[in-house]
Structures are given as C-alpha cells and as structure tokens.
C-alpha cells in the first residue's frame, strides 16, 4: 500500500456512520432513528454531517494535490 493510499485510509477512518444515540431517545441527535424529541428530525446536532463534510474536503484536497504532483513514472 502506497503512502497516498495509507493517507486516504486514515482520513476515511474519521468518517462517522451514525448519529449520536443516548439511552434516553430524547437526548439523541434529532437525525437518529431512535430520537423522539420535538426538534426537526432533519437537523443534525451531533456533528456527523459537519465532520463528514470535513472528511470529504480533506479527500478532495488530497486528490487535488495528487493531480498537481509531477508524474515520475511510478505508481503512487
């Protein structure tokens, strides 16, 4: 595995897959399926959407940098 591939795996490891859940569904993120509070269910209060957007941004930066790197005839 190249250093670039390792970097991508590390960045992807920060991706979140679930909204915050609490035993008491009232305190879960409104976007979590078990939430039963009164807030808008499309609103994410736990940061999953924000954090995953940062992961996507980091991956786009890596992709942009690899496009700028001179090709030396070697696989990355």
Protein backbone atom coordinates (compact mmCIF):
# COMPACT_ATOMS: atom_id res chain seq x y z
CA UNK A 1 0.00 0.00 0.00
CA UNK A 2 1.44 3.36 -1.02
CA UNK A 3 1.75 6.32 1.35
CA UNK A 4 -1.05 8.04 -0.53
CA UNK A 5 -3.34 5.03 -0.10
CA UNK A 6 -2.47 4.92 3.62
CA UNK A 7 -3.30 8.62 3.94
CA UNK A 8 -6.67 8.09 2.28
CA UNK A 9 -7.44 5.16 4.61
CA UNK A 10 -6.51 7.27 7.64
CA UNK A 11 -8.69 10.17 6.51
CA UNK A 12 -11.60 7.81 5.78
CA UNK A 13 -11.27 6.33 9.28
CA UNK A 14 -12.54 9.66 10.64
CA UNK A 15 -15.83 9.32 8.73
CA UNK A 16 -18.78 8.87 11.06
CA UNK A 17 -21.55 6.41 10.23
CA UNK A 18 -24.15 7.02 12.94
CA UNK A 19 -25.78 10.00 14.57
CA UNK A 20 -25.37 10.30 18.35
CA UNK A 21 -27.64 7.97 20.31
CA UNK A 22 -28.45 8.12 24.02
CA UNK A 23 -30.36 5.55 26.11
CA UNK A 24 -32.96 8.24 26.57
CA UNK A 25 -34.04 8.90 22.98
CA UNK A 26 -34.95 12.47 23.89
CA UNK A 27 -31.22 13.28 24.17
CA UNK A 28 -30.19 11.56 20.93
CA UNK A 29 -29.38 13.55 17.81
CA UNK A 30 -32.65 14.55 16.09
CA UNK A 31 -31.45 12.76 12.94
CA UNK A 32 -31.00 9.45 14.79
CA UNK A 33 -33.84 6.95 14.14
CA UNK A 34 -34.45 6.49 17.90
CA UNK A 35 -34.86 10.21 18.65
CA UNK A 36 -38.30 11.11 20.00
CA UNK A 37 -37.93 14.77 20.94
CA UNK A 38 -39.62 17.73 19.31
CA UNK A 39 -36.77 19.11 17.19
CA UNK A 40 -36.70 18.93 13.40
CA UNK A 41 -35.62 15.38 12.52
CA UNK A 42 -33.64 16.64 9.53
CA UNK A 43 -31.39 18.70 11.85
CA UNK A 44 -28.14 17.06 12.96
CA UNK A 45 -26.99 18.31 16.36
CA UNK A 46 -24.23 15.73 16.90
CA UNK A 47 -21.84 16.94 14.22
CA UNK A 48 -21.95 13.91 11.93
CA UNK A 49 -22.85 15.96 8.86
CA UNK A 50 -20.23 18.63 9.65
CA UNK A 51 -17.50 16.08 10.42
CA UNK A 52 -18.14 14.03 7.28
CA UNK A 53 -18.06 17.21 5.20
CA UNK A 54 -14.56 17.85 6.59
CA UNK A 55 -13.51 14.31 5.65
CA UNK A 56 -14.82 14.89 2.12
CA UNK A 57 -12.96 18.22 1.94
CA UNK A 58 -9.70 16.59 3.07
CA UNK A 59 -10.06 13.85 0.45
CA UNK A 60 -10.70 16.46 -2.25
CA UNK A 61 -7.53 18.29 -1.19
CA UNK A 62 -5.52 15.05 -1.39
CA UNK A 63 -6.99 14.34 -4.81
CA UNK A 64 -6.11 17.87 -5.96
CA UNK A 65 -2.54 17.53 -4.69
CA UNK A 66 -2.07 14.23 -6.50
CA UNK A 67 -3.22 15.87 -9.73
CA UNK A 68 -0.58 18.59 -9.25
CA UNK A 69 2.25 16.16 -8.44
CA UNK A 70 4.65 15.52 -11.29
CA UNK A 71 4.34 12.02 -12.75
CA UNK A 72 7.67 10.25 -12.32
CA UNK A 73 6.51 7.06 -13.98
CA UNK A 74 5.97 5.38 -10.64
CA UNK A 75 2.73 4.11 -9.19
CA UNK A 76 1.71 6.10 -6.13
